[in-house]
Amino acid sequence: MSPTANWSYPTAIRFGAGRITEISEACAAAGIKNPLLVTDRGLAGLPITTGTLDLLEAAGLGRALFSDVDPNPNEQNLTAGVAAFKAGNHDGVIAFGGGSGLDLGKMVAFMAGQTRPVWDFEDVGDWWTRADAEAIFPNIAVPTTAGTGSEVGRASVLTNSQTHEKKIIFHPKVLPSVVIADPELTVGMPAAITAGTGMDAFAHCLEAFCSPNYHPMSQGIALEGLRLVKENLPVAYTTPTDLDARSHMMSAAMMGATAFQKGLGAIHAVSHPIGAIYNTHHGTTNAVVMQAVLRFNRAAIEDRLNMAANYLGIEGGFDGFYDFVGQLNTQLNIPESLAALGVTDPDAEAILQGALKDPSCGGNPIELTAANTRALIASLI
């Protein structure tokens, strides 16, 4: 039997198989009487989505749906979502799906009552204080993948469609009021999405663990998250109906997103502009660049990964951990290069400029400079 629990870290989480049936109770707990369910186009017509809408309708909460969400959501998707929210006189959002649906849904709830442009709330200094906190609507998060961890995050990643830059929009009240983490919703994920989102969770845990910033709570969470991914992602990939593995991967996803309060690093700094420019899957891109970043950071992280390898039961310290990542990528059929990912003849200078501006730079164990980052990117091409 898969685990079932109620957690209050970092928000209220209803964890366990079948708990999507509690969606109306979650709405009541969040004070939402007329929700807008926000998801991506691919999920809009699937049974997990229509079944959730049925539950809402049966509870007298309507069945309003917005699904004009791109894989890398942008401000155009947000404008359309806010318009739908206002047109329906909604009082809250159910953010439903993978990272794209969750991030866009959270932003609709955040921006529906604001008067300033969304870019004014980028995660820079205290820009979040510019928002009218009283005008932020509640949101409930229902993840259907196990990777991004956006369901327990206080921010969303939004792509600027004009500049092709990924921006992190932050406010404490973006954190969902309630999360329903139901592993049954992840069973139908295509194998490639299971792999990519799972490697996203692994990247979050890995970069948080290697970040030099002081946050011992996140350090412990990140290490255990790595173990959960190591032991359960291959099972979820090869046996998609295994609810134990799916449950542990949902935990690992939330753990990674909680742990990266400690910081991210060059994996995300490089993959963000690649995804923004070439519209690649974020978690898969993380996996493609992961070994190159491990080589790049080796001098600063070798001792730390020696300890992690010992905890994870991997022989050979840093080298063993590095080889494990390569073997895991192979097992999950992750593309071996950017070219195999579909990024042919990439604009290295555009990737470089995006990477150096990305806020993930600050958590990398080795300072990213134009010279060393250019060399890192060249190693990927």
Protein backbone atom coordinates (compact mmCIF):
# COMPACT_ATOMS: atom_id res chain seq x y z
CA MET A 1 0.00 0.00 0.00
CA SER A 2 1.32 3.44 -0.89
CA PRO A 3 1.86 5.92 1.97
CA THR A 4 -0.84 8.34 3.04
CA ALA A 5 -0.24 11.36 5.25
CA ASN A 6 -1.15 14.94 6.04
CA TRP A 7 1.84 17.28 6.21
CA SER A 8 2.22 20.96 7.04
CA TYR A 9 5.66 21.53 5.53
CA PRO A 10 6.08 23.96 3.88
CA THR A 11 2.31 24.20 3.37
CA ALA A 12 -0.72 21.97 3.94
CA ILE A 13 -0.21 18.77 1.93
CA ARG A 14 -2.75 15.99 1.50
CA PHE A 15 -0.52 13.13 0.39
CA GLY A 16 -1.70 9.73 -0.79
CA ALA A 17 -3.36 7.68 -3.48
CA GLY A 18 -6.95 8.67 -4.25
CA ARG A 19 -6.87 11.96 -2.39
CA ILE A 20 -7.95 13.97 -5.42
CA THR A 21 -11.45 13.12 -4.18
CA GLU A 22 -10.81 15.70 -1.46
CA ILE A 23 -10.57 18.57 -3.95
CA SER A 24 -13.79 20.22 -2.80
CA GLU A 25 -12.65 20.03 0.83
CA ALA A 26 -9.36 21.62 -0.21
CA CYS A 27 -11.27 24.45 -1.88
CA ALA A 28 -13.25 25.02 1.30
CA ALA A 29 -10.05 25.06 3.36
CA ALA A 30 -8.60 27.68 1.02
CA GLY A 31 -11.79 29.75 1.00
CA ILE A 32 -12.42 29.17 -2.70
CA LYS A 33 -16.03 28.94 -3.87
CA ASN A 34 -15.65 29.52 -7.61
CA PRO A 35 -12.33 28.02 -8.77
CA LEU A 36 -10.68 28.20 -12.17
CA LEU A 37 -8.75 25.03 -12.96
CA VAL A 38 -5.59 25.92 -14.90
CA THR A 39 -3.70 23.22 -16.76
CA ASP A 40 -1.85 22.69 -20.04
CA ARG A 41 -3.36 21.77 -23.39
CA GLY A 42 -2.14 18.19 -23.28
CA LEU A 43 -3.89 17.46 -19.99
CA ALA A 44 -7.12 19.35 -20.69
CA GLY A 45 -9.03 16.42 -22.17
CA LEU A 46 -7.51 13.56 -20.20
CA PRO A 47 -9.56 11.56 -17.67
CA ILE A 48 -7.57 12.82 -14.67
CA THR A 49 -8.59 16.37 -15.59
CA THR A 50 -12.18 15.74 -16.59
CA GLY A 51 -12.59 13.57 -13.50
CA THR A 52 -11.38 16.43 -11.30
CA LEU A 53 -13.79 18.80 -13.03
CA ASP A 54 -16.57 16.27 -12.37
CA LEU A 55 -15.71 16.32 -8.66
CA LEU A 56 -15.83 20.10 -8.61
CA GLU A 57 -19.12 20.22 -10.46
CA ALA A 58 -20.69 17.62 -8.16
CA ALA A 59 -19.70 19.77 -5.18
CA GLY A 60 -21.35 22.84 -6.67
CA LEU A 61 -18.05 24.51 -7.54
CA GLY A 62 -18.53 24.65 -11.32
CA ARG A 63 -16.18 23.17 -13.92
CA ALA A 64 -14.29 26.18 -15.26
CA LEU A 65 -11.14 25.30 -17.18
CA PHE A 66 -8.30 27.31 -18.71
CA SER A 67 -5.70 25.33 -20.68
CA ASP A 68 -4.00 27.78 -23.06
CA VAL A 69 -0.63 27.03 -21.47
CA ASP A 70 2.60 26.40 -23.36
CA PRO A 71 5.22 23.87 -22.19
CA ASN A 72 7.35 26.86 -21.17
CA PRO A 73 4.57 29.28 -20.11
CA ASN A 74 4.93 32.94 -21.00
CA GLU A 75 3.32 36.31 -20.34
CA GLN A 76 0.89 35.82 -23.23
CA ASN A 77 -0.48 32.68 -21.57
CA LEU A 78 -0.69 34.65 -18.34
CA THR A 79 -2.63 37.52 -19.92
CA ALA A 80 -5.15 35.07 -21.37
CA GLY A 81 -5.43 33.23 -18.06
CA VAL A 82 -6.05 36.41 -16.07
CA ALA A 83 -8.71 37.42 -18.60
CA ALA A 84 -10.46 34.07 -18.14
CA PHE A 85 -10.21 34.40 -14.36
CA LYS A 86 -11.81 37.83 -14.39
CA ALA A 87 -14.47 36.90 -16.95
CA GLY A 88 -15.63 34.04 -14.75
CA ASN A 89 -15.57 36.10 -11.54
CA HIS A 90 -13.39 33.43 -9.99
CA ASP A 91 -12.05 33.68 -6.46
CA GLY A 92 -9.19 31.21 -6.63
CA VAL A 93 -7.19 28.86 -8.85
CA ILE A 94 -6.59 25.13 -8.93
CA ALA A 95 -3.15 24.81 -10.54
CA PHE A 96 -3.21 21.34 -12.09
CA GLY A 97 -0.52 19.44 -13.96
CA GLY A 98 3.23 19.52 -14.38
CA GLY A 99 5.49 22.52 -13.99
CA SER A 100 3.84 24.52 -16.76
CA GLY A 101 0.29 24.22 -15.44
CA LEU A 102 1.37 24.73 -11.84
CA ASP A 103 3.53 27.77 -12.58
CA LEU A 104 0.97 29.45 -14.81
CA GLY A 105 -1.91 28.71 -12.44
CA LYS A 106 -0.04 30.23 -9.51
CA MET A 107 0.70 33.32 -11.60
CA VAL A 108 -2.95 33.74 -12.60
CA ALA A 109 -3.94 33.77 -8.93
CA PHE A 110 -1.09 36.18 -8.19
CA MET A 111 -1.61 38.62 -11.06
CA ALA A 112 -5.41 38.75 -11.32
CA GLY A 113 -5.55 41.56 -8.76
CA GLN A 114 -2.32 43.41 -9.61
CA THR A 115 -1.96 46.61 -11.64
CA ARG A 116 1.77 46.46 -12.40
CA PRO A 117 3.31 44.23 -15.10
CA VAL A 118 4.43 40.79 -14.00
CA TRP A 119 8.11 41.55 -14.70
CA ASP A 120 8.01 44.10 -11.87
CA PHE A 121 7.85 41.16 -9.45
CA GLU A 122 10.92 39.28 -10.63
CA ASP A 123 12.89 37.60 -7.84
CA VAL A 124 15.35 40.48 -7.48
CA GLY A 125 16.02 42.02 -4.08
CA ASP A 126 12.75 43.10 -2.48
CA TRP A 127 10.80 43.53 -5.73
CA TRP A 128 8.13 41.21 -4.34
CA THR A 129 7.09 43.97 -1.95
CA ARG A 130 5.80 45.93 -4.94
CA ALA A 131 2.80 43.58 -5.13
CA ASP A 132 -0.52 44.32 -3.47
CA ALA A 133 -0.57 41.37 -1.09
CA GLU A 134 -4.27 41.84 -0.30
CA ALA A 135 -5.13 41.41 -3.99
CA ILE A 136 -3.52 37.96 -4.34
CA PHE A 137 -6.07 35.16 -4.73
CA PRO A 138 -5.57 31.74 -3.12
CA ASN A 139 -4.41 28.78 -5.16
CA ILE A 140 -4.48 25.03 -4.69
CA ALA A 141 -1.80 22.91 -6.37
CA VAL A 142 -2.44 19.44 -7.79
CA PRO A 143 0.75 18.03 -9.35
CA THR A 144 0.41 15.34 -11.99
CA THR A 145 4.15 14.86 -12.47
CA ALA A 146 6.95 14.26 -9.98
CA GLY A 147 9.77 16.65 -10.67
CA THR A 148 9.27 20.40 -10.66
CA GLY A 149 8.07 20.70 -7.06
CA SER A 150 6.28 23.92 -7.97
CA GLU A 151 3.43 22.79 -5.74
CA VAL A 152 5.50 23.76 -2.69
CA GLY A 153 7.18 26.83 -4.18
CA ARG A 154 6.73 30.54 -3.57
CA ALA A 155 7.61 31.40 -7.15
CA SER A 156 6.88 30.57 -10.77
CA VAL A 157 9.13 30.47 -13.82
CA LEU A 158 7.76 32.53 -16.69
CA THR A 159 9.35 32.94 -20.13
CA ASN A 160 9.47 36.42 -21.64
CA SER A 161 8.31 35.72 -25.19
CA GLN A 162 10.00 38.86 -26.50
CA THR A 163 13.48 38.39 -25.02
CA HIS A 164 13.38 34.57 -24.70
CA GLU A 165 14.50 34.78 -21.10
CA LYS A 166 13.15 32.74 -18.23
CA LYS A 167 12.26 34.89 -15.24
CA ILE A 168 11.49 33.81 -11.68
CA ILE A 169 8.47 35.65 -10.25
CA PHE A 170 8.39 35.52 -6.45
CA HIS A 171 6.01 36.36 -3.65
CA PRO A 172 5.44 34.49 -0.36
CA LYS A 173 1.70 34.35 -1.06
CA VAL A 174 2.29 32.50 -4.34
CA LEU A 175 2.80 29.41 -2.16
CA PRO A 176 -0.30 27.20 -2.59
CA SER A 177 -2.72 27.15 0.33
CA VAL A 178 -3.27 23.42 -0.06
CA VAL A 179 -1.50 20.71 -2.07
CA ILE A 180 -3.12 17.46 -3.12
CA ALA A 181 -0.29 15.04 -3.93
CA ASP A 182 -2.01 11.98 -5.36
CA PRO A 183 0.38 9.50 -7.02
CA GLU A 184 -2.47 7.95 -8.98
CA LEU A 185 -2.54 11.11 -11.09
CA THR A 186 1.03 10.44 -12.27
CA VAL A 187 0.52 6.88 -13.48
CA GLY A 188 -0.41 7.88 -17.03
CA MET A 189 2.66 10.04 -17.64
CA PRO A 190 4.56 9.12 -20.81
CA ALA A 191 7.87 7.44 -20.03
CA ALA A 192 9.89 10.39 -21.35
CA ILE A 193 8.04 12.78 -19.03
CA THR A 194 8.53 10.45 -16.07
CA ALA A 195 12.25 10.46 -16.86
CA GLY A 196 12.59 14.20 -17.48
CA THR A 197 10.58 15.33 -14.49
CA GLY A 198 12.31 12.80 -12.26
CA MET A 199 15.70 14.11 -13.32
CA ASP A 200 14.47 17.62 -12.56
CA ALA A 201 13.83 16.50 -8.98
CA PHE A 202 17.29 14.93 -8.90
CA ALA A 203 18.86 18.16 -10.20
CA HIS A 204 17.08 20.22 -7.56
CA CYS A 205 18.36 17.97 -4.79
CA LEU A 206 21.85 17.73 -6.26
CA GLU A 207 22.35 21.46 -6.71
CA ALA A 208 20.88 22.27 -3.32
CA PHE A 209 23.18 19.72 -1.71
CA CYS A 210 26.24 21.17 -3.47
CA SER A 211 25.38 24.82 -2.92
CA PRO A 212 27.89 26.53 -0.60
CA ASN A 213 25.16 28.55 1.13
CA TYR A 214 24.41 27.74 4.78
CA HIS A 215 21.08 25.95 5.23
CA PRO A 216 21.53 22.64 7.11
CA MET A 217 17.82 21.80 7.00
CA SER A 218 17.80 21.97 3.21
CA GLN A 219 21.07 20.04 3.13
CA GLY A 220 19.49 17.06 4.86
CA ILE A 221 16.33 17.20 2.78
CA ALA A 222 18.37 17.32 -0.43
CA LEU A 223 20.42 14.25 0.49
CA GLU A 224 17.38 12.14 1.31
CA GLY A 225 15.71 13.40 -1.87
CA LEU A 226 18.65 12.10 -3.89
CA ARG A 227 18.19 8.69 -2.29
CA LEU A 228 14.49 8.59 -3.07
CA VAL A 229 15.12 9.41 -6.73
CA LYS A 230 17.97 6.91 -7.02
CA GLU A 231 15.84 4.09 -5.65
CA ASN A 232 12.47 4.93 -7.20
CA LEU A 233 12.83 6.74 -10.53
CA PRO A 234 14.01 3.64 -12.44
CA VAL A 235 11.07 1.70 -10.99
CA ALA A 236 8.54 4.39 -11.91
CA TYR A 237 10.04 4.52 -15.40
CA THR A 238 9.92 0.78 -16.08
CA THR A 239 6.81 -0.04 -14.02
CA PRO A 240 4.59 3.05 -14.28
CA THR A 241 1.76 1.57 -12.22
CA ASP A 242 3.95 1.05 -9.15
CA LEU A 243 2.29 3.42 -6.69
CA ASP A 244 5.01 3.06 -4.08
CA ALA A 245 7.62 4.32 -6.53
CA ARG A 246 5.28 7.04 -7.78
CA SER A 247 4.60 8.13 -4.19
CA HIS A 248 8.28 8.34 -3.30
CA MET A 249 8.97 10.34 -6.47
CA MET A 250 6.24 12.83 -5.53
CA SER A 251 7.93 13.20 -2.15
CA ALA A 252 11.32 13.67 -3.79
CA ALA A 253 9.92 16.37 -6.07
CA MET A 254 8.57 18.36 -3.14
CA MET A 255 11.78 17.79 -1.19
CA GLY A 256 13.90 19.11 -4.04
CA ALA A 257 11.82 22.25 -4.38
CA THR A 258 11.94 22.81 -0.63
CA ALA A 259 15.70 22.16 -0.47
CA PHE A 260 16.62 24.59 -3.21
CA GLN A 261 15.91 27.45 -0.85
CA LYS A 262 19.61 26.75 -0.23
CA GLY A 263 20.41 27.58 -3.84
CA LEU A 264 20.64 26.11 -7.32
CA GLY A 265 23.62 26.36 -9.67
CA ALA A 266 25.05 25.99 -13.13
CA ILE A 267 22.76 23.13 -14.16
CA HIS A 268 19.78 25.43 -13.95
CA ALA A 269 21.66 28.56 -15.02
CA VAL A 270 22.56 26.88 -18.32
CA SER A 271 19.36 24.91 -18.88
CA HIS A 272 17.07 27.91 -18.34
CA PRO A 273 18.26 29.86 -21.41
CA ILE A 274 18.41 26.69 -23.49
CA GLY A 275 14.77 25.99 -22.62
CA ALA A 276 13.72 29.59 -23.19
CA ILE A 277 15.40 29.85 -26.61
CA TYR A 278 14.81 26.34 -27.96
CA ASN A 279 11.69 25.30 -26.02
CA THR A 280 13.25 22.12 -24.64
CA HIS A 281 11.81 20.18 -21.72
CA HIS A 282 13.32 21.67 -18.58
CA GLY A 283 14.02 18.51 -16.58
CA THR A 284 15.40 16.66 -19.59
CA THR A 285 17.69 19.61 -20.34
CA ASN A 286 18.91 19.51 -16.75
CA ALA A 287 19.78 15.85 -17.21
CA VAL A 288 21.65 16.52 -20.46
CA VAL A 289 23.91 19.19 -18.90
CA MET A 290 24.31 17.51 -15.49
CA GLN A 291 27.56 15.60 -16.01
CA ALA A 292 29.25 18.58 -17.66
CA VAL A 293 28.40 20.72 -14.63
CA LEU A 294 29.66 18.02 -12.26
CA ARG A 295 33.01 18.11 -14.09
CA PHE A 296 32.98 21.91 -13.98
CA ASN A 297 32.36 22.00 -10.21
CA ARG A 298 34.50 19.01 -9.24
CA ALA A 299 37.19 20.91 -7.34
CA ALA A 300 34.59 22.49 -5.06
CA ILE A 301 32.20 19.56 -4.56
CA GLU A 302 34.33 16.41 -4.63
CA ASP A 303 34.47 15.96 -0.84
CA ARG A 304 30.77 16.65 -0.48
CA LEU A 305 29.81 14.16 -3.18
CA ASN A 306 32.14 11.59 -1.64
CA MET A 307 29.90 11.77 1.44
CA ALA A 308 26.74 11.67 -0.64
CA ALA A 309 27.94 8.64 -2.57
CA ASN A 310 28.59 6.82 0.69
CA TYR A 311 25.06 7.59 1.93
CA LEU A 312 23.55 6.53 -1.39
CA GLY A 313 25.44 3.25 -1.50
CA ILE A 314 27.47 4.26 -4.55
CA GLU A 315 31.07 3.05 -4.62
CA GLY A 316 33.92 5.22 -5.86
CA GLY A 317 33.12 8.59 -4.32
CA PHE A 318 32.84 11.46 -6.78
CA ASP A 319 33.79 9.32 -9.78
CA GLY A 320 31.26 6.70 -8.79
CA PHE A 321 28.55 9.36 -8.41
CA TYR A 322 29.46 10.86 -11.80
CA ASP A 323 29.27 7.45 -13.46
CA PHE A 324 25.95 6.75 -11.73
CA VAL A 325 24.45 9.89 -13.26
CA GLY A 326 25.57 8.78 -16.71
CA GLN A 327 24.18 5.28 -16.18
CA LEU A 328 20.87 6.69 -14.92
CA ASN A 329 20.58 8.94 -17.96
CA THR A 330 21.22 5.96 -20.21
CA GLN A 331 18.68 3.83 -18.36
CA LEU A 332 16.07 6.59 -18.76
CA ASN A 333 16.88 7.16 -22.45
CA ILE A 334 17.88 10.77 -21.81
CA PRO A 335 19.42 12.33 -24.97
CA GLU A 336 23.21 12.19 -24.87
CA SER A 337 23.78 15.76 -26.09
CA LEU A 338 22.11 19.04 -26.91
CA ALA A 339 22.05 17.97 -30.57
CA ALA A 340 20.25 14.75 -29.62
CA LEU A 341 17.83 16.91 -27.61
CA GLY A 342 17.02 18.81 -30.80
CA VAL A 343 19.23 21.84 -30.18
CA THR A 344 21.30 21.92 -33.36
CA ASP A 345 23.71 24.77 -34.09
CA PRO A 346 22.92 26.53 -30.79
CA ASP A 347 23.71 30.20 -30.26
CA ALA A 348 26.39 29.77 -27.61
CA GLU A 349 26.66 33.49 -26.95
CA ALA A 350 22.91 33.84 -26.30
CA ILE A 351 23.02 30.85 -23.94
CA LEU A 352 26.04 32.38 -22.20
CA GLN A 353 24.39 35.74 -21.66
CA GLY A 354 21.23 34.08 -20.36
CA ALA A 355 23.19 31.83 -18.01
CA LEU A 356 25.18 34.68 -16.51
CA LYS A 357 21.98 36.64 -15.80
CA ASP A 358 20.14 33.68 -14.33
CA PRO A 359 19.60 33.91 -10.55
CA SER A 360 20.68 30.28 -10.17
CA CYS A 361 24.27 31.45 -10.68
CA GLY A 362 24.46 32.58 -7.08
CA GLY A 363 24.24 29.07 -5.68
CA ASN A 364 26.93 27.49 -7.82
CA PRO A 365 29.97 26.29 -5.85
CA ILE A 366 32.34 27.88 -8.39
CA GLU A 367 31.70 31.45 -9.49
CA LEU A 368 30.39 31.62 -13.04
CA THR A 369 32.39 34.00 -15.22
CA ALA A 370 32.14 34.73 -18.92
CA ALA A 371 35.29 32.69 -19.59
CA ASN A 372 34.55 29.56 -17.59
CA THR A 373 30.86 29.51 -18.50
CA ARG A 374 31.70 29.86 -22.19
CA ALA A 375 33.95 26.81 -21.84
CA LEU A 376 31.21 24.92 -20.02
CA ILE A 377 28.72 25.64 -22.78
CA ALA A 378 31.27 24.71 -25.46
CA SER A 379 31.65 21.30 -23.79
CA LEU A 380 27.95 20.67 -24.41
CA ILE A 381 27.97 21.48 -28.13
